[in-house]
Amino acid sequence: MKINSNFKLRHIAGETIIINQGTPDADLTRIISLNASARFLWNEFSGQEFSVDEVSYLLAKTYHIPVQQARQDATAWVISLKKCNVIID
C-alpha cells in the first residue's frame, strides 16, 4: 500500500491537515487532521510502498512501545486513512 499522491500535508493555524489536490470531484467539506505521530508516519512513508508490519516496527522503535500496541496503532492509522482514500493498495 502507499499514500495517495493526490493528498498533501499542509500546516494551517497550528494544525497539520491533509488536503486533496488534483481531484476535481473531491469532497472539500471533510478535513483530516493529523496528530504528531500520524504526521511522523506520513513523512516516513510518503512516496513509498509500505506494510502494516513496517509501520508497526517503526512505531515500536520510535516510541518505545510494545509491539502489540504498535500493531494496533498502525492498523488504526491505516484503516482510518484508507476510509478516506488517503492510503491506497
PDB file of N, CA and C in Angstrom:
ATOM      1  N   MET A   1       0.838  -1.171   0.000  1.00  0.00           N
ATOM      2  CA  MET A   1       0.000   0.000   0.000  1.00  0.00           C
ATOM      3  C   MET A   1       0.883   1.234   0.000  1.00  0.00           C
ATOM      4  N   LYS A   2       0.266   2.383  -0.291  1.00  0.00           N
ATOM      5  CA  LYS A   2       1.026   3.626  -0.289  1.00  0.00           C
ATOM      6  C   LYS A   2       0.087   4.801  -0.051  1.00  0.00           C
ATOM      7  N   ILE A   3       0.671   5.941   0.256  1.00  0.00           N
ATOM      8  CA  ILE A   3      -0.103   7.161   0.438  1.00  0.00           C
ATOM      9  C   ILE A   3      -0.446   7.707  -0.939  1.00  0.00           C
ATOM     10  N   ASN A   4      -1.710   8.009  -1.144  1.00  0.00           N
ATOM     11  CA  ASN A   4      -2.207   8.541  -2.409  1.00  0.00           C
ATOM     12  C   ASN A   4      -1.532   9.879  -2.687  1.00  0.00           C
ATOM     13  N   SER A   5      -0.885   9.990  -3.832  1.00  0.00           N
ATOM     14  CA  SER A   5      -0.124  11.202  -4.151  1.00  0.00           C
ATOM     15  C   SER A   5      -1.000  12.423  -4.406  1.00  0.00           C
ATOM     16  N   ASN A   6      -2.318  12.252  -4.509  1.00  0.00           N
ATOM     17  CA  ASN A   6      -3.223  13.399  -4.650  1.00  0.00           C
ATOM     18  C   ASN A   6      -3.377  14.174  -3.345  1.00  0.00           C
ATOM     19  N   PHE A   7      -2.973  13.564  -2.241  1.00  0.00           N
ATOM     20  CA  PHE A   7      -3.130  14.200  -0.938  1.00  0.00           C
ATOM     21  C   PHE A   7      -1.806  14.815  -0.490  1.00  0.00           C
ATOM     22  N   LYS A   8      -1.893  15.989   0.098  1.00  0.00           N
ATOM     23  CA  LYS A   8      -0.715  16.721   0.564  1.00  0.00           C
ATOM     24  C   LYS A   8      -0.941  17.197   1.998  1.00  0.00           C
ATOM     25  N   LEU A   9       0.148  17.304   2.752  1.00  0.00           N
ATOM     26  CA  LEU A   9       0.093  17.866   4.103  1.00  0.00           C
ATOM     27  C   LEU A   9       0.200  19.373   4.023  1.00  0.00           C
ATOM     28  N   ARG A  10      -0.573  20.035   4.851  1.00  0.00           N
ATOM     29  CA  ARG A  10      -0.490  21.487   4.982  1.00  0.00           C
ATOM     30  C   ARG A  10      -0.572  21.829   6.463  1.00  0.00           C
ATOM     31  N   HIS A  11       0.098  22.900   6.836  1.00  0.00           N
ATOM     32  CA  HIS A  11       0.071  23.383   8.214  1.00  0.00           C
ATOM     33  C   HIS A  11      -0.741  24.673   8.220  1.00  0.00           C
ATOM     34  N   ILE A  12      -1.883  24.629   8.894  1.00  0.00           N
ATOM     35  CA  ILE A  12      -2.790  25.770   8.931  1.00  0.00           C
ATOM     36  C   ILE A  12      -3.226  26.004  10.372  1.00  0.00           C
ATOM     37  N   ALA A  13      -3.014  27.215  10.845  1.00  0.00           N
ATOM     38  CA  ALA A  13      -3.439  27.620  12.186  1.00  0.00           C
ATOM     39  C   ALA A  13      -2.954  26.652  13.260  1.00  0.00           C
ATOM     40  N   GLY A  14      -1.716  26.208  13.143  1.00  0.00           N
ATOM     41  CA  GLY A  14      -1.136  25.330  14.148  1.00  0.00           C
ATOM     42  C   GLY A  14      -1.546  23.873  14.036  1.00  0.00           C
ATOM     43  N   GLU A  15      -2.314  23.533  13.025  1.00  0.00           N
ATOM     44  CA  GLU A  15      -2.760  22.154  12.810  1.00  0.00           C
ATOM     45  C   GLU A  15      -2.132  21.604  11.540  1.00  0.00           C
ATOM     46  N   THR A  16      -1.899  20.305  11.537  1.00  0.00           N
ATOM     47  CA  THR A  16      -1.453  19.626  10.321  1.00  0.00           C
ATOM     48  C   THR A  16      -2.667  18.946   9.728  1.00  0.00           C
ATOM     49  N   ILE A  17      -3.003  19.324   8.496  1.00  0.00           N
ATOM     50  CA  ILE A  17      -4.162  18.733   7.845  1.00  0.00           C
ATOM     51  C   ILE A  17      -3.754  18.140   6.503  1.00  0.00           C
ATOM     52  N   ILE A  18      -4.595  17.246   6.013  1.00  0.00           N
ATOM     53  CA  ILE A  18      -4.397  16.639   4.706  1.00  0.00           C
ATOM     54  C   ILE A  18      -5.398  17.283   3.762  1.00  0.00           C
ATOM     55  N   ILE A  19      -4.908  17.715   2.609  1.00  0.00           N
ATOM     56  CA  ILE A  19      -5.811  18.239   1.593  1.00  0.00           C
ATOM     57  C   ILE A  19      -5.691  17.394   0.333  1.00  0.00           C
ATOM     58  N   ASN A  20      -6.770  17.354  -0.426  1.00  0.00           N
ATOM     59  CA  ASN A  20      -6.824  16.588  -1.657  1.00  0.00           C
ATOM     60  C   ASN A  20      -6.562  17.537  -2.815  1.00  0.00           C
ATOM     61  N   GLN A  21      -5.477  17.313  -3.529  1.00  0.00           N
ATOM     62  CA  GLN A  21      -5.153  18.120  -4.696  1.00  0.00           C
ATOM     63  C   GLN A  21      -5.275  17.260  -5.943  1.00  0.00           C
ATOM     64  N   GLY A  22      -5.745  17.853  -7.007  1.00  0.00           N
ATOM     65  CA  GLY A  22      -5.745  17.145  -8.279  1.00  0.00           C
ATOM     66  C   GLY A  22      -6.945  16.272  -8.541  1.00  0.00           C
ATOM     67  N   THR A  23      -7.952  16.304  -7.677  1.00  0.00           N
ATOM     68  CA  THR A  23      -9.153  15.524  -7.905  1.00  0.00           C
ATOM     69  C   THR A  23     -10.335  16.480  -7.969  1.00  0.00           C
ATOM     70  N   PRO A  24     -10.890  16.705  -9.158  1.00  0.00           N
ATOM     71  CA  PRO A  24     -11.948  17.706  -9.302  1.00  0.00           C
ATOM     72  C   PRO A  24     -13.220  17.396  -8.519  1.00  0.00           C
ATOM     73  N   ASP A  25     -13.497  16.120  -8.255  1.00  0.00           N
ATOM     74  CA  ASP A  25     -14.719  15.765  -7.530  1.00  0.00           C
ATOM     75  C   ASP A  25     -14.472  15.527  -6.042  1.00  0.00           C
ATOM     76  N   ALA A  26     -13.415  16.095  -5.496  1.00  0.00           N
ATOM     77  CA  ALA A  26     -13.059  15.898  -4.086  1.00  0.00           C
ATOM     78  C   ALA A  26     -14.111  16.511  -3.174  1.00  0.00           C
ATOM     79  N   ASP A  27     -14.381  15.842  -2.074  1.00  0.00           N
ATOM     80  CA  ASP A  27     -15.287  16.356  -1.045  1.00  0.00           C
ATOM     81  C   ASP A  27     -14.508  17.323  -0.163  1.00  0.00           C
ATOM     82  N   LEU A  28     -14.705  18.605  -0.381  1.00  0.00           N
ATOM     83  CA  LEU A  28     -13.954  19.618   0.355  1.00  0.00           C
ATOM     84  C   LEU A  28     -14.587  19.961   1.697  1.00  0.00           C
ATOM     85  N   THR A  29     -15.643  19.258   2.069  1.00  0.00           N
ATOM     86  CA  THR A  29     -16.275  19.513   3.364  1.00  0.00           C
ATOM     87  C   THR A  29     -15.632  18.702   4.479  1.00  0.00           C
ATOM     88  N   ARG A  30     -14.747  17.768   4.146  1.00  0.00           N
ATOM     89  CA  ARG A  30     -14.078  16.944   5.144  1.00  0.00           C
ATOM     90  C   ARG A  30     -12.669  17.445   5.370  1.00  0.00           C
ATOM     91  N   ILE A  31     -12.316  17.580   6.625  1.00  0.00           N
ATOM     92  CA  ILE A  31     -10.957  17.964   6.983  1.00  0.00           C
ATOM     93  C   ILE A  31     -10.348  16.801   7.747  1.00  0.00           C
ATOM     94  N   ILE A  32      -9.160  16.405   7.345  1.00  0.00           N
ATOM     95  CA  ILE A  32      -8.443  15.324   8.017  1.00  0.00           C
ATOM     96  C   ILE A  32      -7.262  15.966   8.733  1.00  0.00           C
ATOM     97  N   SER A  33      -7.288  15.884  10.046  1.00  0.00           N
ATOM     98  CA  SER A  33      -6.236  16.463  10.874  1.00  0.00           C
ATOM     99  C   SER A  33      -5.357  15.348  11.420  1.00  0.00           C
ATOM    100  N   LEU A  34      -4.054  15.579  11.454  1.00  0.00           N
ATOM    101  CA  LEU A  34      -3.119  14.572  11.947  1.00  0.00           C
ATOM    102  C   LEU A  34      -2.463  15.025  13.241  1.00  0.00           C
ATOM    103  N   ASN A  35      -2.332  14.095  14.177  1.00  0.00           N
ATOM    104  CA  ASN A  35      -1.553  14.384  15.379  1.00  0.00           C
ATOM    105  C   ASN A  35      -0.071  14.174  15.060  1.00  0.00           C
ATOM    106  N   ALA A  36       0.775  14.381  16.026  1.00  0.00           N
ATOM    107  CA  ALA A  36       2.223  14.333  15.791  1.00  0.00           C
ATOM    108  C   ALA A  36       2.696  12.961  15.305  1.00  0.00           C
ATOM    109  N   SER A  37       2.185  11.884  15.888  1.00  0.00           N
ATOM    110  CA  SER A  37       2.649  10.554  15.465  1.00  0.00           C
ATOM    111  C   SER A  37       2.116  10.204  14.080  1.00  0.00           C
ATOM    112  N   ALA A  38       0.896  10.590  13.758  1.00  0.00           N
ATOM    113  CA  ALA A  38       0.356  10.335  12.419  1.00  0.00           C
ATOM    114  C   ALA A  38       1.123  11.134  11.371  1.00  0.00           C
ATOM    115  N   ARG A  39       1.490  12.373  11.708  1.00  0.00           N
ATOM    116  CA  ARG A  39       2.302  13.203  10.802  1.00  0.00           C
ATOM    117  C   ARG A  39       3.680  12.566  10.605  1.00  0.00           C
ATOM    118  N   PHE A  40       4.263  12.046  11.678  1.00  0.00           N
ATOM    119  CA  PHE A  40       5.554  11.362  11.601  1.00  0.00           C
ATOM    120  C   PHE A  40       5.478  10.182  10.625  1.00  0.00           C
ATOM    121  N   LEU A  41       4.433   9.359  10.755  1.00  0.00           N
ATOM    122  CA  LEU A  41       4.268   8.218   9.863  1.00  0.00           C
ATOM    123  C   LEU A  41       4.092   8.670   8.417  1.00  0.00           C
ATOM    124  N   TRP A  42       3.297   9.708   8.219  1.00  0.00           N
ATOM    125  CA  TRP A  42       3.106  10.253   6.871  1.00  0.00           C
ATOM    126  C   TRP A  42       4.459  10.629   6.255  1.00  0.00           C
ATOM    127  N   ASN A  43       5.241  11.363   7.007  1.00  0.00           N
ATOM    128  CA  ASN A  43       6.539  11.818   6.499  1.00  0.00           C
ATOM    129  C   ASN A  43       7.480  10.652   6.217  1.00  0.00           C
ATOM    130  N   GLU A  44       7.432   9.626   7.034  1.00  0.00           N
ATOM    131  CA  GLU A  44       8.312   8.471   6.853  1.00  0.00           C
ATOM    132  C   GLU A  44       7.928   7.619   5.648  1.00  0.00           C
ATOM    133  N   PHE A  45       6.625   7.485   5.389  1.00  0.00           N
ATOM    134  CA  PHE A  45       6.180   6.549   4.361  1.00  0.00           C
ATOM    135  C   PHE A  45       5.668   7.210   3.083  1.00  0.00           C
ATOM    136  N   SER A  46       5.639   8.511   3.041  1.00  0.00           N
ATOM    137  CA  SER A  46       5.187   9.218   1.853  1.00  0.00           C
ATOM    138  C   SER A  46       6.109   8.901   0.667  1.00  0.00           C
ATOM    139  N   GLY A  47       5.492   8.572  -0.466  1.00  0.00           N
ATOM    140  CA  GLY A  47       6.263   8.316  -1.671  1.00  0.00           C
ATOM    141  C   GLY A  47       6.825   6.918  -1.802  1.00  0.00           C
ATOM    142  N   GLN A  48       6.426   6.010  -0.909  1.00  0.00           N
ATOM    143  CA  GLN A  48       6.945   4.645  -0.995  1.00  0.00           C
ATOM    144  C   GLN A  48       5.896   3.629  -0.579  1.00  0.00           C
ATOM    145  N   GLU A  49       6.093   2.417  -1.006  1.00  0.00           N
ATOM    146  CA  GLU A  49       5.237   1.297  -0.602  1.00  0.00           C
ATOM    147  C   GLU A  49       5.581   0.919   0.838  1.00  0.00           C
ATOM    148  N   PHE A  50       4.570   0.494   1.598  1.00  0.00           N
ATOM    149  CA  PHE A  50       4.808   0.056   2.972  1.00  0.00           C
ATOM    150  C   PHE A  50       3.735  -0.934   3.386  1.00  0.00           C
ATOM    151  N   SER A  51       3.982  -1.602   4.498  1.00  0.00           N
ATOM    152  CA  SER A  51       3.032  -2.567   5.054  1.00  0.00           C
ATOM    153  C   SER A  51       2.707  -2.173   6.491  1.00  0.00           C
ATOM    154  N   VAL A  52       1.664  -2.766   7.021  1.00  0.00           N
ATOM    155  CA  VAL A  52       1.314  -2.536   8.424  1.00  0.00           C
ATOM    156  C   VAL A  52       2.455  -2.981   9.323  1.00  0.00           C
ATOM    157  N   ASP A  53       3.135  -4.051   8.951  1.00  0.00           N
ATOM    158  CA  ASP A  53       4.268  -4.528   9.748  1.00  0.00           C
ATOM    159  C   ASP A  53       5.379  -3.484   9.816  1.00  0.00           C
ATOM    160  N   GLU A  54       5.654  -2.833   8.690  1.00  0.00           N
ATOM    161  CA  GLU A  54       6.695  -1.790   8.684  1.00  0.00           C
ATOM    162  C   GLU A  54       6.287  -0.596   9.540  1.00  0.00           C
ATOM    163  N   VAL A  55       5.023  -0.231   9.469  1.00  0.00           N
ATOM    164  CA  VAL A  55       4.528   0.871  10.298  1.00  0.00           C
ATOM    165  C   VAL A  55       4.620   0.490  11.763  1.00  0.00           C
ATOM    166  N   SER A  56       4.219  -0.735  12.091  1.00  0.00           N
ATOM    167  CA  SER A  56       4.273  -1.223  13.477  1.00  0.00           C
ATOM    168  C   SER A  56       5.700  -1.189  14.018  1.00  0.00           C
ATOM    169  N   TYR A  57       6.631  -1.694  13.223  1.00  0.00           N
ATOM    170  CA  TYR A  57       8.034  -1.718  13.642  1.00  0.00           C
ATOM    171  C   TYR A  57       8.540  -0.309  13.935  1.00  0.00           C
ATOM    172  N   LEU A  58       8.233   0.628  13.047  1.00  0.00           N
ATOM    173  CA  LEU A  58       8.702   1.998  13.236  1.00  0.00           C
ATOM    174  C   LEU A  58       8.088   2.633  14.488  1.00  0.00           C
ATOM    175  N   LEU A  59       6.805   2.399  14.717  1.00  0.00           N
ATOM    176  CA  LEU A  59       6.158   2.935  15.924  1.00  0.00           C
ATOM    177  C   LEU A  59       6.791   2.359  17.191  1.00  0.00           C
ATOM    178  N   ALA A  60       6.974   1.044  17.216  1.00  0.00           N
ATOM    179  CA  ALA A  60       7.556   0.396  18.398  1.00  0.00           C
ATOM    180  C   ALA A  60       8.959   0.922  18.670  1.00  0.00           C
ATOM    181  N   LYS A  61       9.751   1.047  17.618  1.00  0.00           N
ATOM    182  CA  LYS A  61      11.138   1.501  17.749  1.00  0.00           C
ATOM    183  C   LYS A  61      11.210   2.976  18.172  1.00  0.00           C
ATOM    184  N   THR A  62      10.402   3.802  17.562  1.00  0.00           N
ATOM    185  CA  THR A  62      10.466   5.250  17.803  1.00  0.00           C
ATOM    186  C   THR A  62       9.888   5.649  19.154  1.00  0.00           C
ATOM    187  N   TYR A  63       8.753   5.051  19.502  1.00  0.00           N
ATOM    188  CA  TYR A  63       8.050   5.464  20.718  1.00  0.00           C
ATOM    189  C   TYR A  63       8.257   4.509  21.893  1.00  0.00           C
ATOM    190  N   HIS A  64       9.074   3.472  21.679  1.00  0.00           N
ATOM    191  CA  HIS A  64       9.395   2.518  22.750  1.00  0.00           C
ATOM    192  C   HIS A  64       8.130   1.940  23.387  1.00  0.00           C
ATOM    193  N   ILE A  65       7.252   1.451  22.523  1.00  0.00           N
ATOM    194  CA  ILE A  65       6.017   0.831  22.990  1.00  0.00           C
ATOM    195  C   ILE A  65       6.036  -0.649  22.621  1.00  0.00           C
ATOM    196  N   PRO A  66       5.224  -1.455  23.318  1.00  0.00           N
ATOM    197  CA  PRO A  66       5.181  -2.888  22.998  1.00  0.00           C
ATOM    198  C   PRO A  66       4.727  -3.123  21.554  1.00  0.00           C
ATOM    199  N   VAL A  67       5.219  -4.181  20.959  1.00  0.00           N
ATOM    200  CA  VAL A  67       4.915  -4.499  19.565  1.00  0.00           C
ATOM    201  C   VAL A  67       3.407  -4.644  19.349  1.00  0.00           C
ATOM    202  N   GLN A  68       2.724  -5.269  20.287  1.00  0.00           N
ATOM    203  CA  GLN A  68       1.275  -5.454  20.145  1.00  0.00           C
ATOM    204  C   GLN A  68       0.555  -4.110  20.086  1.00  0.00           C
ATOM    205  N   GLN A  69       0.940  -3.178  20.940  1.00  0.00           N
ATOM    206  CA  GLN A  69       0.334  -1.843  20.929  1.00  0.00           C
ATOM    207  C   GLN A  69       0.671  -1.118  19.622  1.00  0.00           C
ATOM    208  N   ALA A  70       1.903  -1.246  19.176  1.00  0.00           N
ATOM    209  CA  ALA A  70       2.320  -0.620  17.920  1.00  0.00           C
ATOM    210  C   ALA A  70       1.508  -1.178  16.756  1.00  0.00           C
ATOM    211  N   ARG A  71       1.257  -2.476  16.765  1.00  0.00           N
ATOM    212  CA  ARG A  71       0.458  -3.111  15.695  1.00  0.00           C
ATOM    213  C   ARG A  71      -0.965  -2.573  15.699  1.00  0.00           C
ATOM    214  N   GLN A  72      -1.549  -2.426  16.877  1.00  0.00           N
ATOM    215  CA  GLN A  72      -2.906  -1.882  16.964  1.00  0.00           C
ATOM    216  C   GLN A  72      -2.947  -0.442  16.449  1.00  0.00           C
ATOM    217  N   ASP A  73      -1.971   0.345  16.855  1.00  0.00           N
ATOM    218  CA  ASP A  73      -1.913   1.744  16.426  1.00  0.00           C
ATOM    219  C   ASP A  73      -1.682   1.856  14.924  1.00  0.00           C
ATOM    220  N   ALA A  74      -0.795   1.029  14.384  1.00  0.00           N
ATOM    221  CA  ALA A  74      -0.511   1.040  12.948  1.00  0.00           C
ATOM    222  C   ALA A  74      -1.744   0.642  12.152  1.00  0.00           C
ATOM    223  N   THR A  75      -2.438  -0.372  12.620  1.00  0.00           N
ATOM    224  CA  THR A  75      -3.657  -0.829  11.954  1.00  0.00           C
ATOM    225  C   THR A  75      -4.718   0.263  11.973  1.00  0.00           C
ATOM    226  N   ALA A  76      -4.879   0.925  13.102  1.00  0.00           N
ATOM    227  CA  ALA A  76      -5.862   2.016  13.210  1.00  0.00           C
ATOM    228  C   ALA A  76      -5.516   3.157  12.265  1.00  0.00           C
ATOM    229  N   TRP A  77      -4.226   3.509  12.166  1.00  0.00           N
ATOM    230  CA  TRP A  77      -3.790   4.580  11.272  1.00  0.00           C
ATOM    231  C   TRP A  77      -4.116   4.226   9.823  1.00  0.00           C
ATOM    232  N   VAL A  78      -3.790   3.013   9.424  1.00  0.00           N
ATOM    233  CA  VAL A  78      -4.034   2.580   8.051  1.00  0.00           C
ATOM    234  C   VAL A  78      -5.535   2.538   7.759  1.00  0.00           C
ATOM    235  N   ILE A  79      -6.324   1.953   8.636  1.00  0.00           N
ATOM    236  CA  ILE A  79      -7.770   1.851   8.407  1.00  0.00           C
ATOM    237  C   ILE A  79      -8.388   3.241   8.288  1.00  0.00           C
ATOM    238  N   SER A  80      -8.022   4.145   9.177  1.00  0.00           N
ATOM    239  CA  SER A  80      -8.579   5.500   9.146  1.00  0.00           C
ATOM    240  C   SER A  80      -8.283   6.202   7.829  1.00  0.00           C
ATOM    241  N   LEU A  81      -7.051   6.086   7.363  1.00  0.00           N
ATOM    242  CA  LEU A  81      -6.684   6.780   6.129  1.00  0.00           C
ATOM    243  C   LEU A  81      -7.176   6.060   4.878  1.00  0.00           C
ATOM    244  N   LYS A  82      -7.377   4.765   4.953  1.00  0.00           N
ATOM    245  CA  LYS A  82      -7.952   4.038   3.828  1.00  0.00           C
ATOM    246  C   LYS A  82      -9.409   4.447   3.616  1.00  0.00           C
ATOM    247  N   LYS A  83     -10.133   4.692   4.708  1.00  0.00           N
ATOM    248  CA  LYS A  83     -11.542   5.098   4.609  1.00  0.00           C
ATOM    249  C   LYS A  83     -11.693   6.380   3.800  1.00  0.00           C
ATOM    250  N   CYS A  84     -10.690   7.217   3.822  1.00  0.00           N
ATOM    251  CA  CYS A  84     -10.716   8.499   3.116  1.00  0.00           C
ATOM    252  C   CYS A  84      -9.969   8.447   1.788  1.00  0.00           C
ATOM    253  N   ASN A  85      -9.537   7.260   1.382  1.00  0.00           N
ATOM    254  CA  ASN A  85      -8.745   7.061   0.159  1.00  0.00           C
ATOM    255  C   ASN A  85      -7.393   7.745   0.194  1.00  0.00           C
ATOM    256  N   VAL A  86      -6.898   8.041   1.393  1.00  0.00           N
ATOM    257  CA  VAL A  86      -5.571   8.653   1.537  1.00  0.00           C
ATOM    258  C   VAL A  86      -4.506   7.573   1.378  1.00  0.00           C
ATOM    259  N   ILE A  87      -4.785   6.381   1.880  1.00  0.00           N
ATOM    260  CA  ILE A  87      -3.903   5.235   1.668  1.00  0.00           C
ATOM    261  C   ILE A  87      -4.600   4.315   0.683  1.00  0.00           C
ATOM    262  N   ILE A  88      -3.862   3.913  -0.345  1.00  0.00           N
ATOM    263  CA  ILE A  88      -4.414   3.038  -1.375  1.00  0.00           C
ATOM    264  C   ILE A  88      -3.554   1.780  -1.491  1.00  0.00           C
ATOM    265  N   ASP A  89      -4.178   0.710  -1.958  1.00  0.00           N
ATOM    266  CA  ASP A  89      -3.449  -0.558  -2.134  1.00  0.00           C
ATOM    267  C   ASP A  89      -2.715  -0.602  -3.443  1.00  0.00           C
TER     268      ASP A  89
END
